[in-house]
Amino acid sequence: MNYAPRFRSVATFLLAGGSSSRMGRDKALLPIGDKALLVHLAEMLRSIGEAFHVVAPEGRYESFGYPILPDLRPGCGPLAGIETALANSSKDWNLILACDLALMEPDWLNKLTEATELPNGLLCIASGINKNSPNPLCAVWHKDALPQVRSALDRGQLRVRSVLEEIPTEILIPPDPGILANWNRPEDVLK
């Protein structure tokens, strides 16, 4: 699939390391159309960035043929996935997307990557429903945010949003906030 990317100087990462405990089965393998959710989102991300990786436990998704980065801190949640992505990235800007954002649209991801051209030195550009609710798991993170991410993890702080309090962040709100809906429970999945 070609989503006609407008800006390509980013690396893209799909976070797929969670246990899917609320869903009761692996969210990344849920069907969306005729594909697994992992494949649907991976194809979207691969068409947008210059480098693509799935951040997931080793051995979980190798059969899909995507490059896998195992978490540097297994079991420490999405913030550890962000640390893994930033630590392994060769790019300054990194589009990071959680694998449960099934309704994500490529146009919005392109909009986020275009925001990296802003000259104000932002460390993280997060999309959110409103300014009080950023979604750091659909965001463009600058590699310079890595020290703050590591510091939070070293302190045992696993909440991604707490890191946003420590770094300059711009919130961009999608025209349709519904694209940020997570598939966390069986009732969230489109029938």
N, C-alpha and C. Protein backbone atom coordinates (compact mmCIF):
# COMPACT_ATOMS: atom_id res chain seq x y z
N MET A 1 0.83 -1.18 0.00
CA MET A 1 0.00 0.00 0.00
C MET A 1 0.87 1.24 0.00
N ASN A 2 0.48 2.23 -0.75
CA ASN A 2 1.23 3.49 -0.76
C ASN A 2 0.32 4.58 -0.21
N TYR A 3 0.75 5.18 0.89
CA TYR A 3 -0.04 6.22 1.52
C TYR A 3 0.48 7.62 1.17
N ALA A 4 1.27 7.72 0.12
CA ALA A 4 1.77 8.99 -0.39
C ALA A 4 2.38 9.86 0.71
N PRO A 5 3.48 9.40 1.32
CA PRO A 5 4.09 10.20 2.37
C PRO A 5 4.59 11.53 1.83
N ARG A 6 4.47 12.54 2.67
CA ARG A 6 4.92 13.87 2.26
C ARG A 6 6.26 14.24 2.88
N PHE A 7 6.65 13.54 3.94
CA PHE A 7 7.90 13.87 4.63
C PHE A 7 8.50 12.58 5.11
N ARG A 8 9.75 12.28 4.75
CA ARG A 8 10.26 10.94 4.99
C ARG A 8 11.48 10.88 5.90
N SER A 9 11.83 11.96 6.57
CA SER A 9 13.03 11.92 7.39
C SER A 9 12.72 11.47 8.81
N VAL A 10 11.94 10.42 8.92
CA VAL A 10 11.61 9.86 10.22
C VAL A 10 11.80 8.35 10.18
N ALA A 11 12.05 7.79 11.35
CA ALA A 11 11.99 6.34 11.52
C ALA A 11 10.62 6.04 12.11
N THR A 12 10.09 4.87 11.83
CA THR A 12 8.77 4.51 12.34
C THR A 12 8.87 3.23 13.16
N PHE A 13 8.11 3.21 14.25
CA PHE A 13 8.13 2.09 15.19
C PHE A 13 6.71 1.72 15.59
N LEU A 14 6.43 0.44 15.59
CA LEU A 14 5.14 -0.08 16.04
C LEU A 14 5.38 -0.79 17.37
N LEU A 15 4.76 -0.29 18.44
CA LEU A 15 4.90 -0.91 19.76
C LEU A 15 3.90 -2.06 19.88
N ALA A 16 4.41 -3.27 19.99
CA ALA A 16 3.56 -4.47 20.04
C ALA A 16 4.04 -5.43 21.13
N GLY A 17 4.48 -4.88 22.23
CA GLY A 17 5.05 -5.73 23.27
C GLY A 17 4.14 -6.03 24.44
N GLY A 18 2.92 -5.53 24.41
CA GLY A 18 2.03 -5.70 25.55
C GLY A 18 1.50 -7.11 25.71
N SER A 19 0.91 -7.35 26.87
CA SER A 19 0.40 -8.68 27.16
C SER A 19 -1.04 -8.88 26.71
N SER A 20 -1.73 -7.79 26.32
CA SER A 20 -3.12 -7.85 25.86
C SER A 20 -4.04 -8.50 26.89
N SER A 21 -3.76 -8.28 28.17
CA SER A 21 -4.53 -8.95 29.22
C SER A 21 -6.00 -8.56 29.23
N ARG A 22 -6.32 -7.29 28.98
CA ARG A 22 -7.73 -6.88 28.97
C ARG A 22 -8.47 -7.42 27.75
N MET A 23 -7.74 -7.63 26.66
CA MET A 23 -8.37 -8.16 25.44
C MET A 23 -8.59 -9.66 25.56
N GLY A 24 -7.71 -10.33 26.29
CA GLY A 24 -7.84 -11.78 26.44
C GLY A 24 -7.16 -12.57 25.33
N ARG A 25 -6.62 -11.89 24.36
CA ARG A 25 -5.85 -12.52 23.28
C ARG A 25 -4.95 -11.44 22.67
N ASP A 26 -4.02 -11.84 21.88
CA ASP A 26 -3.03 -10.92 21.32
C ASP A 26 -3.69 -9.89 20.40
N LYS A 27 -3.67 -8.62 20.82
CA LYS A 27 -4.31 -7.56 20.04
C LYS A 27 -3.70 -7.42 18.65
N ALA A 28 -2.40 -7.60 18.55
CA ALA A 28 -1.73 -7.43 17.26
C ALA A 28 -2.21 -8.42 16.21
N LEU A 29 -2.79 -9.52 16.64
CA LEU A 29 -3.26 -10.54 15.71
C LEU A 29 -4.75 -10.44 15.40
N LEU A 30 -5.43 -9.46 16.00
CA LEU A 30 -6.85 -9.28 15.70
C LEU A 30 -7.04 -8.95 14.22
N PRO A 31 -8.11 -9.45 13.63
CA PRO A 31 -8.33 -9.16 12.21
C PRO A 31 -8.90 -7.75 12.01
N ILE A 32 -8.38 -7.09 11.00
CA ILE A 32 -8.95 -5.82 10.54
C ILE A 32 -9.01 -5.96 9.02
N GLY A 33 -10.19 -6.06 8.50
CA GLY A 33 -10.33 -6.42 7.10
C GLY A 33 -9.82 -7.84 6.92
N ASP A 34 -8.96 -8.03 5.94
CA ASP A 34 -8.43 -9.36 5.68
C ASP A 34 -7.01 -9.55 6.21
N LYS A 35 -6.58 -8.67 7.13
CA LYS A 35 -5.22 -8.72 7.66
C LYS A 35 -5.23 -8.71 9.17
N ALA A 36 -4.10 -9.10 9.74
CA ALA A 36 -3.90 -8.92 11.18
C ALA A 36 -3.65 -7.43 11.43
N LEU A 37 -4.08 -6.95 12.57
CA LEU A 37 -3.88 -5.55 12.93
C LEU A 37 -2.41 -5.16 12.82
N LEU A 38 -1.51 -6.03 13.24
CA LEU A 38 -0.07 -5.78 13.13
C LEU A 38 0.32 -5.48 11.68
N VAL A 39 -0.17 -6.26 10.75
CA VAL A 39 0.16 -6.08 9.33
C VAL A 39 -0.44 -4.78 8.80
N HIS A 40 -1.68 -4.52 9.15
CA HIS A 40 -2.36 -3.29 8.72
C HIS A 40 -1.55 -2.05 9.12
N LEU A 41 -1.16 -1.98 10.39
CA LEU A 41 -0.41 -0.81 10.87
C LEU A 41 1.02 -0.81 10.37
N ALA A 42 1.64 -1.97 10.27
CA ALA A 42 3.01 -2.04 9.77
C ALA A 42 3.10 -1.53 8.33
N GLU A 43 2.15 -1.91 7.50
CA GLU A 43 2.16 -1.43 6.11
C GLU A 43 2.02 0.09 6.06
N MET A 44 1.18 0.62 6.92
CA MET A 44 1.00 2.07 6.97
C MET A 44 2.30 2.76 7.39
N LEU A 45 2.92 2.28 8.45
CA LEU A 45 4.15 2.90 8.95
C LEU A 45 5.32 2.74 7.99
N ARG A 46 5.42 1.59 7.36
CA ARG A 46 6.53 1.36 6.42
C ARG A 46 6.47 2.30 5.24
N SER A 47 5.28 2.75 4.87
CA SER A 47 5.16 3.64 3.73
C SER A 47 5.45 5.10 4.10
N ILE A 48 5.54 5.39 5.39
CA ILE A 48 5.72 6.76 5.83
C ILE A 48 7.17 7.08 6.17
N GLY A 49 7.86 6.18 6.83
CA GLY A 49 9.22 6.46 7.29
C GLY A 49 10.27 5.76 6.47
N GLU A 50 11.51 6.15 6.71
CA GLU A 50 12.64 5.55 6.00
C GLU A 50 13.10 4.24 6.64
N ALA A 51 12.86 4.08 7.94
CA ALA A 51 13.26 2.87 8.65
C ALA A 51 12.08 2.44 9.50
N PHE A 52 11.77 1.15 9.51
CA PHE A 52 10.62 0.63 10.26
C PHE A 52 11.04 -0.55 11.11
N HIS A 53 10.53 -0.59 12.35
CA HIS A 53 10.75 -1.72 13.25
C HIS A 53 9.50 -1.95 14.09
N VAL A 54 9.33 -3.20 14.49
CA VAL A 54 8.33 -3.57 15.48
C VAL A 54 9.08 -3.75 16.79
N VAL A 55 8.61 -3.09 17.84
CA VAL A 55 9.19 -3.27 19.17
C VAL A 55 8.31 -4.30 19.87
N ALA A 56 8.86 -5.47 20.12
CA ALA A 56 8.09 -6.59 20.66
C ALA A 56 9.04 -7.63 21.25
N PRO A 57 8.51 -8.50 22.09
CA PRO A 57 9.36 -9.58 22.62
C PRO A 57 9.95 -10.43 21.49
N GLU A 58 11.17 -10.81 21.69
CA GLU A 58 11.85 -11.64 20.70
C GLU A 58 11.07 -12.93 20.48
N GLY A 59 10.91 -13.31 19.22
CA GLY A 59 10.24 -14.54 18.86
C GLY A 59 8.74 -14.41 18.68
N ARG A 60 8.14 -13.28 19.07
CA ARG A 60 6.68 -13.17 19.01
C ARG A 60 6.15 -12.99 17.59
N TYR A 61 6.78 -12.12 16.79
CA TYR A 61 6.22 -11.80 15.47
C TYR A 61 7.21 -12.00 14.32
N GLU A 62 8.25 -12.75 14.53
CA GLU A 62 9.23 -12.95 13.47
C GLU A 62 8.63 -13.55 12.21
N SER A 63 7.56 -14.32 12.35
CA SER A 63 6.96 -14.97 11.17
C SER A 63 6.40 -13.97 10.18
N PHE A 64 6.19 -12.73 10.59
CA PHE A 64 5.68 -11.71 9.68
C PHE A 64 6.78 -11.10 8.82
N GLY A 65 8.04 -11.32 9.18
CA GLY A 65 9.15 -10.83 8.38
C GLY A 65 9.55 -9.39 8.64
N TYR A 66 8.99 -8.76 9.65
CA TYR A 66 9.36 -7.38 9.98
C TYR A 66 10.57 -7.38 10.90
N PRO A 67 11.40 -6.35 10.83
CA PRO A 67 12.51 -6.28 11.79
C PRO A 67 11.97 -6.04 13.20
N ILE A 68 12.43 -6.85 14.14
CA ILE A 68 11.95 -6.80 15.52
C ILE A 68 13.06 -6.25 16.41
N LEU A 69 12.66 -5.33 17.30
CA LEU A 69 13.55 -4.83 18.35
C LEU A 69 12.98 -5.29 19.68
N PRO A 70 13.66 -6.19 20.41
CA PRO A 70 13.14 -6.59 21.72
C PRO A 70 13.32 -5.45 22.73
N ASP A 71 12.33 -5.31 23.63
CA ASP A 71 12.40 -4.28 24.66
C ASP A 71 13.70 -4.36 25.43
N LEU A 72 14.30 -3.21 25.68
CA LEU A 72 15.49 -3.15 26.52
C LEU A 72 15.14 -3.47 27.97
N ARG A 73 13.88 -3.21 28.34
CA ARG A 73 13.39 -3.48 29.71
C ARG A 73 12.06 -4.23 29.60
N PRO A 74 12.11 -5.53 29.38
CA PRO A 74 10.88 -6.31 29.23
C PRO A 74 9.95 -6.14 30.43
N GLY A 75 8.66 -6.06 30.15
CA GLY A 75 7.67 -5.96 31.21
C GLY A 75 7.49 -4.59 31.81
N CYS A 76 8.12 -3.57 31.23
CA CYS A 76 8.02 -2.22 31.79
C CYS A 76 7.09 -1.32 30.98
N GLY A 77 6.30 -1.88 30.10
CA GLY A 77 5.28 -1.14 29.40
C GLY A 77 5.74 -0.31 28.22
N PRO A 78 4.83 0.55 27.74
CA PRO A 78 5.11 1.31 26.52
C PRO A 78 6.29 2.28 26.64
N LEU A 79 6.53 2.81 27.85
CA LEU A 79 7.66 3.73 27.98
C LEU A 79 8.98 3.01 27.68
N ALA A 80 9.07 1.75 28.07
CA ALA A 80 10.26 0.96 27.73
C ALA A 80 10.33 0.71 26.23
N GLY A 81 9.17 0.57 25.58
CA GLY A 81 9.16 0.44 24.13
C GLY A 81 9.65 1.70 23.45
N ILE A 82 9.27 2.85 23.99
CA ILE A 82 9.75 4.13 23.44
C ILE A 82 11.26 4.24 23.64
N GLU A 83 11.74 3.85 24.82
CA GLU A 83 13.18 3.85 25.07
C GLU A 83 13.89 2.98 24.04
N THR A 84 13.37 1.79 23.79
CA THR A 84 13.98 0.87 22.83
C THR A 84 14.01 1.50 21.44
N ALA A 85 12.91 2.11 21.04
CA ALA A 85 12.85 2.74 19.72
C ALA A 85 13.87 3.86 19.59
N LEU A 86 13.89 4.77 20.56
CA LEU A 86 14.80 5.92 20.48
C LEU A 86 16.26 5.49 20.57
N ALA A 87 16.55 4.50 21.40
CA ALA A 87 17.93 4.03 21.57
C ALA A 87 18.46 3.35 20.30
N ASN A 88 17.57 2.79 19.50
CA ASN A 88 17.98 2.07 18.30
C ASN A 88 17.79 2.85 17.01
N SER A 89 17.27 4.05 17.11
CA SER A 89 16.97 4.82 15.91
C SER A 89 18.20 5.54 15.37
N SER A 90 18.27 5.60 14.06
CA SER A 90 19.33 6.36 13.40
C SER A 90 18.83 7.73 12.97
N LYS A 91 17.58 8.04 13.27
CA LYS A 91 16.95 9.31 12.87
C LYS A 91 16.75 10.20 14.09
N ASP A 92 16.70 11.51 13.85
CA ASP A 92 16.37 12.43 14.93
C ASP A 92 14.91 12.31 15.33
N TRP A 93 14.02 12.21 14.34
CA TRP A 93 12.59 12.16 14.59
C TRP A 93 12.06 10.75 14.38
N ASN A 94 11.15 10.33 15.27
CA ASN A 94 10.70 8.95 15.31
C ASN A 94 9.20 8.89 15.56
N LEU A 95 8.48 8.38 14.57
CA LEU A 95 7.04 8.20 14.70
C LEU A 95 6.80 6.89 15.43
N ILE A 96 6.15 6.98 16.58
CA ILE A 96 5.91 5.81 17.42
C ILE A 96 4.41 5.62 17.57
N LEU A 97 3.96 4.41 17.26
CA LEU A 97 2.53 4.11 17.25
C LEU A 97 2.27 2.82 18.02
N ALA A 98 1.26 2.83 18.88
CA ALA A 98 0.86 1.62 19.59
C ALA A 98 0.08 0.72 18.64
N CYS A 99 0.22 -0.58 18.81
CA CYS A 99 -0.41 -1.53 17.88
C CYS A 99 -1.89 -1.70 18.11
N ASP A 100 -2.47 -1.00 19.10
CA ASP A 100 -3.91 -1.15 19.31
C ASP A 100 -4.71 0.04 18.77
N LEU A 101 -4.07 0.90 17.98
CA LEU A 101 -4.75 2.05 17.38
C LEU A 101 -5.25 1.66 15.98
N ALA A 102 -6.24 0.80 15.97
CA ALA A 102 -6.72 0.19 14.73
C ALA A 102 -7.34 1.17 13.75
N LEU A 103 -7.85 2.28 14.24
CA LEU A 103 -8.55 3.23 13.38
C LEU A 103 -7.65 4.34 12.85
N MET A 104 -6.37 4.22 13.10
CA MET A 104 -5.41 5.24 12.68
C MET A 104 -5.48 5.44 11.17
N GLU A 105 -5.28 6.68 10.76
CA GLU A 105 -5.32 7.03 9.35
C GLU A 105 -3.95 7.54 8.90
N PRO A 106 -3.52 7.12 7.73
CA PRO A 106 -2.20 7.54 7.24
C PRO A 106 -2.08 9.04 7.06
N ASP A 107 -3.16 9.71 6.70
CA ASP A 107 -3.09 11.16 6.55
C ASP A 107 -2.71 11.84 7.86
N TRP A 108 -3.22 11.32 8.97
CA TRP A 108 -2.87 11.92 10.27
C TRP A 108 -1.41 11.65 10.61
N LEU A 109 -0.93 10.46 10.32
CA LEU A 109 0.48 10.16 10.59
C LEU A 109 1.38 11.06 9.73
N ASN A 110 0.99 11.29 8.50
CA ASN A 110 1.76 12.21 7.66
C ASN A 110 1.74 13.61 8.24
N LYS A 111 0.60 14.04 8.76
CA LYS A 111 0.48 15.36 9.38
C LYS A 111 1.44 15.47 10.56
N LEU A 112 1.51 14.42 11.36
CA LEU A 112 2.45 14.43 12.49
C LEU A 112 3.90 14.53 12.01
N THR A 113 4.23 13.79 10.97
CA THR A 113 5.62 13.84 10.51
C THR A 113 5.94 15.20 9.89
N GLU A 114 4.96 15.84 9.29
CA GLU A 114 5.20 17.19 8.76
C GLU A 114 5.52 18.17 9.88
N ALA A 115 4.99 17.94 11.05
CA ALA A 115 5.23 18.83 12.17
C ALA A 115 6.68 18.81 12.62
N THR A 116 7.45 17.81 12.21
CA THR A 116 8.86 17.78 12.57
C THR A 116 9.64 18.88 11.86
N GLU A 117 9.03 19.50 10.87
CA GLU A 117 9.71 20.57 10.17
C GLU A 117 9.62 21.91 10.91
N LEU A 118 8.87 21.94 12.00
CA LEU A 118 8.77 23.16 12.78
C LEU A 118 10.14 23.52 13.36
N PRO A 119 10.51 24.79 13.34
CA PRO A 119 11.86 25.19 13.75
C PRO A 119 12.05 25.41 15.24
N ASN A 120 11.10 25.05 16.09
CA ASN A 120 11.20 25.43 17.49
C ASN A 120 11.81 24.38 18.40
N GLY A 121 12.45 23.38 17.87
CA GLY A 121 13.21 22.43 18.68
C GLY A 121 12.37 21.58 19.61
N LEU A 122 11.16 21.23 19.23
CA LEU A 122 10.33 20.39 20.09
C LEU A 122 10.96 19.02 20.25
N LEU A 123 10.84 18.46 21.42
CA LEU A 123 11.33 17.12 21.66
C LEU A 123 10.29 16.07 21.32
N CYS A 124 9.02 16.40 21.50
CA CYS A 124 7.97 15.42 21.25
C CYS A 124 6.75 16.13 20.71
N ILE A 125 6.18 15.58 19.69
CA ILE A 125 4.91 16.10 19.16
C ILE A 125 3.89 15.00 19.36
N ALA A 126 2.92 15.25 20.21
CA ALA A 126 1.93 14.22 20.52
C ALA A 126 0.58 14.63 19.97
N SER A 127 -0.17 13.66 19.54
CA SER A 127 -1.54 13.94 19.11
C SER A 127 -2.46 13.63 20.27
N GLY A 128 -3.56 14.35 20.35
CA GLY A 128 -4.45 14.11 21.46
C GLY A 128 -5.85 14.58 21.17
N ILE A 129 -6.79 14.16 22.01
CA ILE A 129 -8.17 14.56 21.85
C ILE A 129 -8.33 16.02 22.26
N ASN A 130 -7.63 16.43 23.30
CA ASN A 130 -7.60 17.82 23.70
C ASN A 130 -6.29 18.11 24.39
N LYS A 131 -6.05 19.33 24.73
CA LYS A 131 -4.75 19.69 25.28
C LYS A 131 -4.48 19.05 26.63
N ASN A 132 -5.50 18.56 27.30
CA ASN A 132 -5.31 17.90 28.58
C ASN A 132 -5.14 16.39 28.46
N SER A 133 -5.23 15.88 27.25
CA SER A 133 -5.17 14.43 27.07
C SER A 133 -4.33 14.05 25.86
N PRO A 134 -3.01 14.26 25.95
CA PRO A 134 -2.17 13.86 24.82
C PRO A 134 -2.08 12.34 24.71
N ASN A 135 -1.89 11.86 23.50
CA ASN A 135 -1.68 10.44 23.29
C ASN A 135 -0.23 10.24 22.86
N PRO A 136 0.65 9.97 23.81
CA PRO A 136 2.07 9.82 23.48
C PRO A 136 2.39 8.53 22.74
N LEU A 137 1.38 7.69 22.50
CA LEU A 137 1.59 6.45 21.76
C LEU A 137 1.11 6.57 20.32
N CYS A 138 0.86 7.79 19.93
CA CYS A 138 0.70 8.17 18.52
C CYS A 138 1.38 9.52 18.43
N ALA A 139 2.70 9.49 18.33
CA ALA A 139 3.47 10.71 18.46
C ALA A 139 4.77 10.62 17.70
N VAL A 140 5.33 11.78 17.44
CA VAL A 140 6.66 11.87 16.86
C VAL A 140 7.59 12.32 17.99
N TRP A 141 8.51 11.46 18.32
CA TRP A 141 9.45 11.71 19.42
C TRP A 141 10.82 12.06 18.84
N HIS A 142 11.43 13.07 19.39
CA HIS A 142 12.80 13.41 19.00
C HIS A 142 13.76 12.54 19.81
N LYS A 143 14.83 12.14 19.18
CA LYS A 143 15.82 11.29 19.84
C LYS A 143 16.37 11.94 21.11
N ASP A 144 16.36 13.28 21.15
CA ASP A 144 16.86 13.99 22.33
C ASP A 144 16.00 13.77 23.57
N ALA A 145 14.82 13.15 23.42
CA ALA A 145 13.98 12.84 24.57
C ALA A 145 14.46 11.59 25.30
N LEU A 146 15.39 10.86 24.71
CA LEU A 146 15.85 9.59 25.30
C LEU A 146 16.35 9.74 26.74
N PRO A 147 17.14 10.74 27.09
CA PRO A 147 17.59 10.84 28.49
C PRO A 147 16.43 10.98 29.49
N GLN A 148 15.40 11.73 29.13
CA GLN A 148 14.26 11.87 30.04
C GLN A 148 13.49 10.56 30.15
N VAL A 149 13.37 9.85 29.04
CA VAL A 149 12.68 8.55 29.05
C VAL A 149 13.46 7.58 29.94
N ARG A 150 14.76 7.52 29.75
CA ARG A 150 15.59 6.61 30.56
C ARG A 150 15.55 6.97 32.03
N SER A 151 15.62 8.26 32.32
CA SER A 151 15.59 8.71 33.71
C SER A 151 14.29 8.30 34.39
N ALA A 152 13.17 8.47 33.70
CA ALA A 152 11.88 8.08 34.27
C ALA A 152 11.86 6.58 34.56
N LEU A 153 12.33 5.78 33.62
CA LEU A 153 12.36 4.33 33.82
C LEU A 153 13.30 3.95 34.97
N ASP A 154 14.44 4.61 35.05
CA ASP A 154 15.39 4.34 36.14
C ASP A 154 14.77 4.64 37.51
N ARG A 155 13.87 5.63 37.56
CA ARG A 155 13.20 6.00 38.81
C ARG A 155 11.99 5.11 39.08
N GLY A 156 11.70 4.19 38.16
CA GLY A 156 10.53 3.32 38.32
C GLY A 156 9.24 3.96 37.86
N GLN A 157 9.33 5.10 37.21
CA GLN A 157 8.17 5.80 36.68
C GLN A 157 7.87 5.21 35.30
N LEU A 158 6.77 4.48 35.18
CA LEU A 158 6.45 3.79 33.93
C LEU A 158 5.39 4.50 33.10
N ARG A 159 4.78 5.54 33.65
CA ARG A 159 3.72 6.26 32.91
C ARG A 159 4.35 7.14 31.84
N VAL A 160 3.95 6.92 30.59
CA VAL A 160 4.50 7.69 29.48
C VAL A 160 4.13 9.16 29.62
N ARG A 161 2.93 9.44 30.04
CA ARG A 161 2.48 10.84 30.14
C ARG A 161 3.31 11.64 31.13
N SER A 162 3.88 11.00 32.13
CA SER A 162 4.70 11.74 33.09
C SER A 162 5.95 12.32 32.42
N VAL A 163 6.46 11.64 31.40
CA VAL A 163 7.63 12.15 30.67
C VAL A 163 7.26 13.40 29.89
N LEU A 164 6.02 13.48 29.43
CA LEU A 164 5.61 14.66 28.66
C LEU A 164 5.65 15.92 29.51
N GLU A 165 5.58 15.77 30.84
CA GLU A 165 5.69 16.93 31.73
C GLU A 165 7.11 17.47 31.78
N GLU A 166 8.08 16.67 31.35
CA GLU A 166 9.49 17.04 31.45
C GLU A 166 10.09 17.55 30.15
N ILE A 167 9.37 17.42 29.05
CA ILE A 167 9.94 17.82 27.76
C ILE A 167 9.00 18.76 27.03
N PRO A 168 9.56 19.66 26.22
CA PRO A 168 8.69 20.53 25.41
C PRO A 168 7.84 19.68 24.47
N THR A 169 6.55 19.89 24.53
CA THR A 169 5.61 19.08 23.77
C THR A 169 4.60 19.98 23.08
N GLU A 170 4.31 19.68 21.85
CA GLU A 170 3.23 20.35 21.15
C GLU A 170 2.14 19.34 20.90
N ILE A 171 0.92 19.72 21.22
CA ILE A 171 -0.22 18.84 21.02
C ILE A 171 -0.89 19.20 19.69
N LEU A 172 -1.03 18.23 18.84
CA LEU A 172 -1.76 18.39 17.58
C LEU A 172 -3.00 17.52 17.67
N ILE A 173 -4.14 18.10 17.38
CA ILE A 173 -5.41 17.38 17.54
C ILE A 173 -5.92 16.94 16.17
N PRO A 174 -6.20 15.65 16.01
CA PRO A 174 -6.69 15.18 14.71
C PRO A 174 -8.09 15.70 14.43
N PRO A 175 -8.44 15.89 13.16
CA PRO A 175 -9.80 16.31 12.82
C PRO A 175 -10.85 15.34 13.35
N ASP A 176 -10.53 14.05 13.36
CA ASP A 176 -11.43 13.03 13.90
C ASP A 176 -10.73 12.36 15.07
N PRO A 177 -10.98 12.81 16.31
CA PRO A 177 -10.32 12.21 17.47
C PRO A 177 -10.59 10.72 17.63
N GLY A 178 -11.63 10.21 16.96
CA GLY A 178 -11.95 8.79 17.04
C GLY A 178 -10.83 7.89 16.53
N ILE A 179 -9.93 8.42 15.71
CA ILE A 179 -8.83 7.58 15.20
C ILE A 179 -7.85 7.21 16.30
N LEU A 180 -7.96 7.86 17.47
CA LEU A 180 -7.08 7.55 18.59
C LEU A 180 -7.67 6.53 19.55
N ALA A 181 -8.81 5.96 19.19
CA ALA A 181 -9.44 4.96 20.05
C ALA A 181 -8.60 3.68 20.07
N ASN A 182 -8.36 3.19 21.27
CA ASN A 182 -7.59 1.96 21.45
C ASN A 182 -8.51 0.74 21.43
N TRP A 183 -7.99 -0.35 20.90
CA TRP A 183 -8.66 -1.64 21.01
C TRP A 183 -8.06 -2.33 22.23
N ASN A 184 -8.67 -2.11 23.38
CA ASN A 184 -8.15 -2.70 24.63
C ASN A 184 -8.96 -3.89 25.12
N ARG A 185 -10.27 -3.85 24.86
CA ARG A 185 -11.17 -4.90 25.33
C ARG A 185 -11.94 -5.47 24.14
N PRO A 186 -12.48 -6.67 24.27
CA PRO A 186 -13.23 -7.26 23.15
C PRO A 186 -14.34 -6.35 22.61
N GLU A 187 -15.01 -5.60 23.49
CA GLU A 187 -16.10 -4.75 23.02
C GLU A 187 -15.63 -3.54 22.21
N ASP A 188 -14.32 -3.25 22.22
CA ASP A 188 -13.77 -2.14 21.44
C ASP A 188 -13.59 -2.49 19.96
N VAL A 189 -13.49 -3.76 19.67
CA VAL A 189 -13.16 -4.23 18.32
C VAL A 189 -14.35 -4.04 17.39
N LEU A 190 -14.06 -3.48 16.21
CA LEU A 190 -15.11 -3.30 15.21
C LEU A 190 -15.61 -4.65 14.74
N LYS A 191 -16.87 -4.76 14.61
CA LYS A 191 -17.45 -6.02 14.12
C LYS A 191 -17.66 -5.94 12.63
